[in-house]
Amino acid sequence: MAHRLGTTCVLFAICMATQLTVAQRATVPGDSPLQNHSDIPQAFPNFAQALTELSLKRHPDVLVVAFHAQIPGETINRVIAINQAQWGKFLWRPSDEIDTDTAKTQRTVVQVIPATHRMEVHMPLHTKTGDTIATFVCVWSFQDEEEAPELMHKSQKIRDEIASSVISIAQLLGTP
């Protein structure tokens, strides 16, 4: 009798957990930007994430390092790598307009936000051969807006360090 009761409790718990999971999935529509996963299964951590970690280690003053790229077979750009603390909120999330346009237009976009003392630098990431394959982002904290040119220069230096080891989008998305 005790064995049956134990088995019944385990089965009940499994059923409840399954219903909860299904109910949670049903609250997020399939095309919602709240779905933080790629539509096509990806290796992770990928080479871009390894480069993110390396950059953060080499440059501890940068707050955020992120890569935005279009996964082959998808029609949108996504965050393919970012600081581990940001994974839950941003990893695999569709990129915003700035990050999507940066790779397309090959223009660098600098956002200086005085109210929060933050600065974002969105730059095209080129391969060794010069092809643009992603958007590379550095986010900084500053005391004075006059630091913007120096922080932009630091961002470009970090991007250029990374670009020398990147040969393709497949490499960025592949295992390190």
C-alpha atoms as a PDB file:
ATOM      1  CA  MET A   1       0.000   0.000   0.000  1.00  0.00           C
ATOM      2  CA  ALA A   2       2.794   2.440   0.925  1.00  0.00           C
ATOM      3  CA  HIS A   3       4.568   1.618  -2.373  1.00  0.00           C
ATOM      4  CA  ARG A   4       1.415   2.436  -4.377  1.00  0.00           C
ATOM      5  CA  LEU A   5       0.933   5.679  -2.484  1.00  0.00           C
ATOM      6  CA  GLY A   6       4.557   6.696  -3.161  1.00  0.00           C
ATOM      7  CA  THR A   7       4.244   5.873  -6.867  1.00  0.00           C
ATOM      8  CA  THR A   8       0.959   7.797  -7.071  1.00  0.00           C
ATOM      9  CA  CYS A   9       2.552  10.866  -5.452  1.00  0.00           C
ATOM     10  CA  VAL A  10       5.504  10.754  -7.869  1.00  0.00           C
ATOM     11  CA  LEU A  11       3.186  10.435 -10.878  1.00  0.00           C
ATOM     12  CA  PHE A  12       1.020  13.268  -9.581  1.00  0.00           C
ATOM     13  CA  ALA A  13       4.084  15.502  -9.163  1.00  0.00           C
ATOM     14  CA  ILE A  14       5.280  14.704 -12.699  1.00  0.00           C
ATOM     15  CA  CYS A  15       1.822  15.479 -14.136  1.00  0.00           C
ATOM     16  CA  MET A  16       1.649  18.793 -12.264  1.00  0.00           C
ATOM     17  CA  ALA A  17       5.147  19.799 -13.406  1.00  0.00           C
ATOM     18  CA  THR A  18       4.290  18.929 -17.007  1.00  0.00           C
ATOM     19  CA  GLN A  19       1.062  20.949 -16.889  1.00  0.00           C
ATOM     20  CA  LEU A  20       2.903  23.920 -15.418  1.00  0.00           C
ATOM     21  CA  THR A  21       5.553  23.762 -18.156  1.00  0.00           C
ATOM     22  CA  VAL A  22       2.931  23.537 -20.907  1.00  0.00           C
ATOM     23  CA  ALA A  23       0.947  26.410 -19.366  1.00  0.00           C
ATOM     24  CA  GLN A  24       4.068  28.594 -19.189  1.00  0.00           C
ATOM     25  CA  ARG A  25       4.959  27.854 -22.823  1.00  0.00           C
ATOM     26  CA  ALA A  26       1.425  28.691 -23.919  1.00  0.00           C
ATOM     27  CA  THR A  27       1.682  32.191 -22.430  1.00  0.00           C
ATOM     28  CA  VAL A  28       4.528  33.147 -24.785  1.00  0.00           C
ATOM     29  CA  PRO A  29       3.438  33.310 -28.428  1.00  0.00           C
ATOM     30  CA  GLY A  30       5.713  31.590 -30.937  1.00  0.00           C
ATOM     31  CA  ASP A  31       6.826  34.854 -32.523  1.00  0.00           C
ATOM     32  CA  SER A  32       7.296  36.755 -29.264  1.00  0.00           C
ATOM     33  CA  PRO A  33      10.565  38.620 -28.645  1.00  0.00           C
ATOM     34  CA  LEU A  34      10.377  37.110 -25.168  1.00  0.00           C
ATOM     35  CA  GLN A  35      11.439  33.760 -26.588  1.00  0.00           C
ATOM     36  CA  ASN A  36      15.149  33.824 -25.893  1.00  0.00           C
ATOM     37  CA  HIS A  37      16.236  30.980 -28.125  1.00  0.00           C
ATOM     38  CA  SER A  38      17.218  30.659 -31.713  1.00  0.00           C
ATOM     39  CA  ASP A  39      14.705  29.130 -34.090  1.00  0.00           C
ATOM     40  CA  ILE A  40      17.427  26.809 -35.355  1.00  0.00           C
ATOM     41  CA  PRO A  41      19.324  24.791 -32.693  1.00  0.00           C
ATOM     42  CA  GLN A  42      22.767  26.278 -32.022  1.00  0.00           C
ATOM     43  CA  ALA A  43      25.942  25.088 -30.326  1.00  0.00           C
ATOM     44  CA  PHE A  44      26.477  27.001 -27.104  1.00  0.00           C
ATOM     45  CA  PRO A  45      28.725  28.250 -25.714  1.00  0.00           C
ATOM     46  CA  ASN A  46      29.878  29.213 -29.176  1.00  0.00           C
ATOM     47  CA  PHE A  47      33.091  30.834 -30.441  1.00  0.00           C
ATOM     48  CA  ALA A  48      31.479  34.298 -30.165  1.00  0.00           C
ATOM     49  CA  GLN A  49      30.826  33.623 -26.460  1.00  0.00           C
ATOM     50  CA  ALA A  50      34.464  32.567 -25.984  1.00  0.00           C
ATOM     51  CA  LEU A  51      35.527  35.851 -27.612  1.00  0.00           C
ATOM     52  CA  THR A  52      33.116  37.735 -25.339  1.00  0.00           C
ATOM     53  CA  GLU A  53      34.629  36.156 -22.223  1.00  0.00           C
ATOM     54  CA  LEU A  54      38.172  36.820 -23.467  1.00  0.00           C
ATOM     55  CA  SER A  55      37.343  40.485 -24.180  1.00  0.00           C
ATOM     56  CA  LEU A  56      35.803  40.959 -20.746  1.00  0.00           C
ATOM     57  CA  LYS A  57      38.877  39.420 -19.136  1.00  0.00           C
ATOM     58  CA  ARG A  58      41.268  41.625 -21.133  1.00  0.00           C
ATOM     59  CA  HIS A  59      39.192  44.782 -20.666  1.00  0.00           C
ATOM     60  CA  PRO A  60      37.545  44.692 -17.217  1.00  0.00           C
ATOM     61  CA  ASP A  61      36.368  48.297 -17.554  1.00  0.00           C
ATOM     62  CA  VAL A  62      33.854  47.430 -20.303  1.00  0.00           C
ATOM     63  CA  LEU A  63      30.408  46.643 -18.852  1.00  0.00           C
ATOM     64  CA  VAL A  64      28.926  44.589 -21.683  1.00  0.00           C
ATOM     65  CA  VAL A  65      30.288  42.876 -24.780  1.00  0.00           C
ATOM     66  CA  ALA A  66      27.779  41.425 -27.234  1.00  0.00           C
ATOM     67  CA  PHE A  67      27.563  39.935 -30.713  1.00  0.00           C
ATOM     68  CA  HIS A  68      24.481  40.271 -32.933  1.00  0.00           C
ATOM     69  CA  ALA A  69      24.311  38.156 -36.090  1.00  0.00           C
ATOM     70  CA  GLN A  70      21.945  36.481 -38.494  1.00  0.00           C
ATOM     71  CA  ILE A  71      21.991  32.738 -37.987  1.00  0.00           C
ATOM     72  CA  PRO A  72      22.067  30.979 -41.374  1.00  0.00           C
ATOM     73  CA  GLY A  73      18.535  29.870 -42.231  1.00  0.00           C
ATOM     74  CA  GLU A  74      16.891  32.627 -40.172  1.00  0.00           C
ATOM     75  CA  THR A  75      15.624  35.974 -41.424  1.00  0.00           C
ATOM     76  CA  ILE A  76      16.475  38.123 -38.385  1.00  0.00           C
ATOM     77  CA  ASN A  77      19.546  39.100 -36.388  1.00  0.00           C
ATOM     78  CA  ARG A  78      19.883  37.781 -32.832  1.00  0.00           C
ATOM     79  CA  VAL A  79      22.119  38.215 -29.813  1.00  0.00           C
ATOM     80  CA  ILE A  80      24.448  35.239 -30.258  1.00  0.00           C
ATOM     81  CA  ALA A  81      26.818  36.060 -27.365  1.00  0.00           C
ATOM     82  CA  ILE A  82      26.811  38.399 -24.352  1.00  0.00           C
ATOM     83  CA  ASN A  83      28.066  38.627 -20.753  1.00  0.00           C
ATOM     84  CA  GLN A  84      26.890  35.631 -18.735  1.00  0.00           C
ATOM     85  CA  ALA A  85      24.970  37.895 -16.357  1.00  0.00           C
ATOM     86  CA  GLN A  86      22.826  38.984 -19.337  1.00  0.00           C
ATOM     87  CA  TRP A  87      22.087  35.505 -20.781  1.00  0.00           C
ATOM     88  CA  GLY A  88      18.587  35.142 -19.342  1.00  0.00           C
ATOM     89  CA  LYS A  89      17.472  38.533 -20.571  1.00  0.00           C
ATOM     90  CA  PHE A  90      19.184  38.888 -23.959  1.00  0.00           C
ATOM     91  CA  LEU A  91      20.752  35.693 -25.337  1.00  0.00           C
ATOM     92  CA  TRP A  92      19.065  34.614 -28.612  1.00  0.00           C
ATOM     93  CA  ARG A  93      16.666  37.557 -28.418  1.00  0.00           C
ATOM     94  CA  PRO A  94      16.039  39.289 -31.755  1.00  0.00           C
ATOM     95  CA  SER A  95      18.329  42.283 -32.235  1.00  0.00           C
ATOM     96  CA  ASP A  96      16.938  45.791 -32.193  1.00  0.00           C
ATOM     97  CA  GLU A  97      16.967  48.059 -35.225  1.00  0.00           C
ATOM     98  CA  ILE A  98      20.333  49.663 -34.417  1.00  0.00           C
ATOM     99  CA  ASP A  99      22.147  46.330 -34.242  1.00  0.00           C
ATOM    100  CA  THR A 100      20.454  44.993 -37.354  1.00  0.00           C
ATOM    101  CA  ASP A 101      21.168  48.162 -39.370  1.00  0.00           C
ATOM    102  CA  THR A 102      24.775  48.424 -38.188  1.00  0.00           C
ATOM    103  CA  ALA A 103      25.736  45.182 -39.916  1.00  0.00           C
ATOM    104  CA  LYS A 104      23.753  46.096 -43.051  1.00  0.00           C
ATOM    105  CA  THR A 105      24.966  49.697 -43.437  1.00  0.00           C
ATOM    106  CA  GLN A 106      28.434  49.108 -41.947  1.00  0.00           C
ATOM    107  CA  ARG A 107      28.027  52.313 -39.927  1.00  0.00           C
ATOM    108  CA  THR A 108      29.168  52.623 -36.342  1.00  0.00           C
ATOM    109  CA  VAL A 109      26.495  53.962 -33.994  1.00  0.00           C
ATOM    110  CA  VAL A 110      27.445  55.588 -30.695  1.00  0.00           C
ATOM    111  CA  GLN A 111      24.762  56.192 -28.079  1.00  0.00           C
ATOM    112  CA  VAL A 112      25.783  58.432 -25.186  1.00  0.00           C
ATOM    113  CA  ILE A 113      23.114  58.340 -22.480  1.00  0.00           C
ATOM    114  CA  PRO A 114      23.861  61.093 -19.923  1.00  0.00           C
ATOM    115  CA  ALA A 115      20.953  60.203 -17.620  1.00  0.00           C
ATOM    116  CA  THR A 116      22.417  56.737 -16.909  1.00  0.00           C
ATOM    117  CA  HIS A 117      26.087  57.571 -17.541  1.00  0.00           C
ATOM    118  CA  ARG A 118      26.226  54.761 -20.080  1.00  0.00           C
ATOM    119  CA  MET A 119      27.575  54.680 -23.587  1.00  0.00           C
ATOM    120  CA  GLU A 120      26.929  52.016 -26.223  1.00  0.00           C
ATOM    121  CA  VAL A 121      29.110  51.544 -29.284  1.00  0.00           C
ATOM    122  CA  HIS A 122      27.571  49.402 -32.062  1.00  0.00           C
ATOM    123  CA  MET A 123      30.137  48.480 -34.736  1.00  0.00           C
ATOM    124  CA  PRO A 124      30.169  46.241 -37.793  1.00  0.00           C
ATOM    125  CA  LEU A 125      32.341  43.150 -37.287  1.00  0.00           C
ATOM    126  CA  HIS A 126      34.410  42.191 -40.307  1.00  0.00           C
ATOM    127  CA  THR A 127      36.204  38.932 -41.059  1.00  0.00           C
ATOM    128  CA  LYS A 128      39.892  38.799 -41.966  1.00  0.00           C
ATOM    129  CA  THR A 129      38.819  39.132 -45.614  1.00  0.00           C
ATOM    130  CA  GLY A 130      36.677  42.224 -44.941  1.00  0.00           C
ATOM    131  CA  ASP A 131      33.191  40.677 -45.086  1.00  0.00           C
ATOM    132  CA  THR A 132      30.727  42.132 -42.561  1.00  0.00           C
ATOM    133  CA  ILE A 133      29.177  39.237 -40.631  1.00  0.00           C
ATOM    134  CA  ALA A 134      27.869  40.691 -37.368  1.00  0.00           C
ATOM    135  CA  THR A 135      27.425  43.686 -35.107  1.00  0.00           C
ATOM    136  CA  PHE A 136      29.814  43.957 -32.178  1.00  0.00           C
ATOM    137  CA  VAL A 137      28.710  46.024 -29.168  1.00  0.00           C
ATOM    138  CA  CYS A 138      30.582  47.463 -26.195  1.00  0.00           C
ATOM    139  CA  VAL A 139      28.749  49.193 -23.337  1.00  0.00           C
ATOM    140  CA  TRP A 140      30.618  51.486 -20.974  1.00  0.00           C
ATOM    141  CA  SER A 141      29.985  53.509 -17.851  1.00  0.00           C
ATOM    142  CA  PHE A 142      31.349  57.050 -17.850  1.00  0.00           C
ATOM    143  CA  GLN A 143      31.671  59.948 -15.446  1.00  0.00           C
ATOM    144  CA  ASP A 144      31.745  62.730 -18.038  1.00  0.00           C
ATOM    145  CA  GLU A 145      30.412  62.856 -21.605  1.00  0.00           C
ATOM    146  CA  GLU A 146      33.826  64.060 -22.746  1.00  0.00           C
ATOM    147  CA  GLU A 147      35.063  60.467 -22.283  1.00  0.00           C
ATOM    148  CA  ALA A 148      33.030  59.411 -25.342  1.00  0.00           C
ATOM    149  CA  PRO A 149      35.826  59.670 -27.954  1.00  0.00           C
ATOM    150  CA  GLU A 150      38.212  57.634 -25.783  1.00  0.00           C
ATOM    151  CA  LEU A 151      35.572  54.960 -25.108  1.00  0.00           C
ATOM    152  CA  MET A 152      34.745  54.755 -28.801  1.00  0.00           C
ATOM    153  CA  HIS A 153      38.435  54.281 -29.587  1.00  0.00           C
ATOM    154  CA  LYS A 154      38.675  51.526 -26.921  1.00  0.00           C
ATOM    155  CA  SER A 155      35.613  49.827 -28.436  1.00  0.00           C
ATOM    156  CA  GLN A 156      37.158  49.846 -31.892  1.00  0.00           C
ATOM    157  CA  LYS A 157      40.399  48.437 -30.485  1.00  0.00           C
ATOM    158  CA  ILE A 158      38.533  45.551 -28.810  1.00  0.00           C
ATOM    159  CA  ARG A 159      36.572  44.877 -32.010  1.00  0.00           C
ATOM    160  CA  ASP A 160      39.765  44.890 -34.080  1.00  0.00           C
ATOM    161  CA  GLU A 161      41.470  42.457 -31.667  1.00  0.00           C
ATOM    162  CA  ILE A 162      38.558  40.084 -32.173  1.00  0.00           C
ATOM    163  CA  ALA A 163      38.239  40.567 -35.939  1.00  0.00           C
ATOM    164  CA  SER A 164      41.755  39.270 -36.512  1.00  0.00           C
ATOM    165  CA  SER A 165      40.635  35.820 -35.341  1.00  0.00           C
ATOM    166  CA  VAL A 166      37.254  35.668 -37.107  1.00  0.00           C
ATOM    167  CA  ILE A 167      36.920  34.030 -40.511  1.00  0.00           C
ATOM    168  CA  SER A 168      33.160  33.429 -40.889  1.00  0.00           C
ATOM    169  CA  ILE A 169      29.700  33.431 -39.277  1.00  0.00           C
ATOM    170  CA  ALA A 170      29.936  29.636 -39.124  1.00  0.00           C
ATOM    171  CA  GLN A 171      33.058  29.984 -36.976  1.00  0.00           C
ATOM    172  CA  LEU A 172      31.341  32.511 -34.650  1.00  0.00           C
ATOM    173  CA  LEU A 173      28.397  30.163 -34.184  1.00  0.00           C
ATOM    174  CA  GLY A 174      30.533  27.029 -33.899  1.00  0.00           C
ATOM    175  CA  THR A 175      32.088  25.511 -30.810  1.00  0.00           C
ATOM    176  CA  PRO A 176      35.177  27.305 -29.465  1.00  0.00           C
END
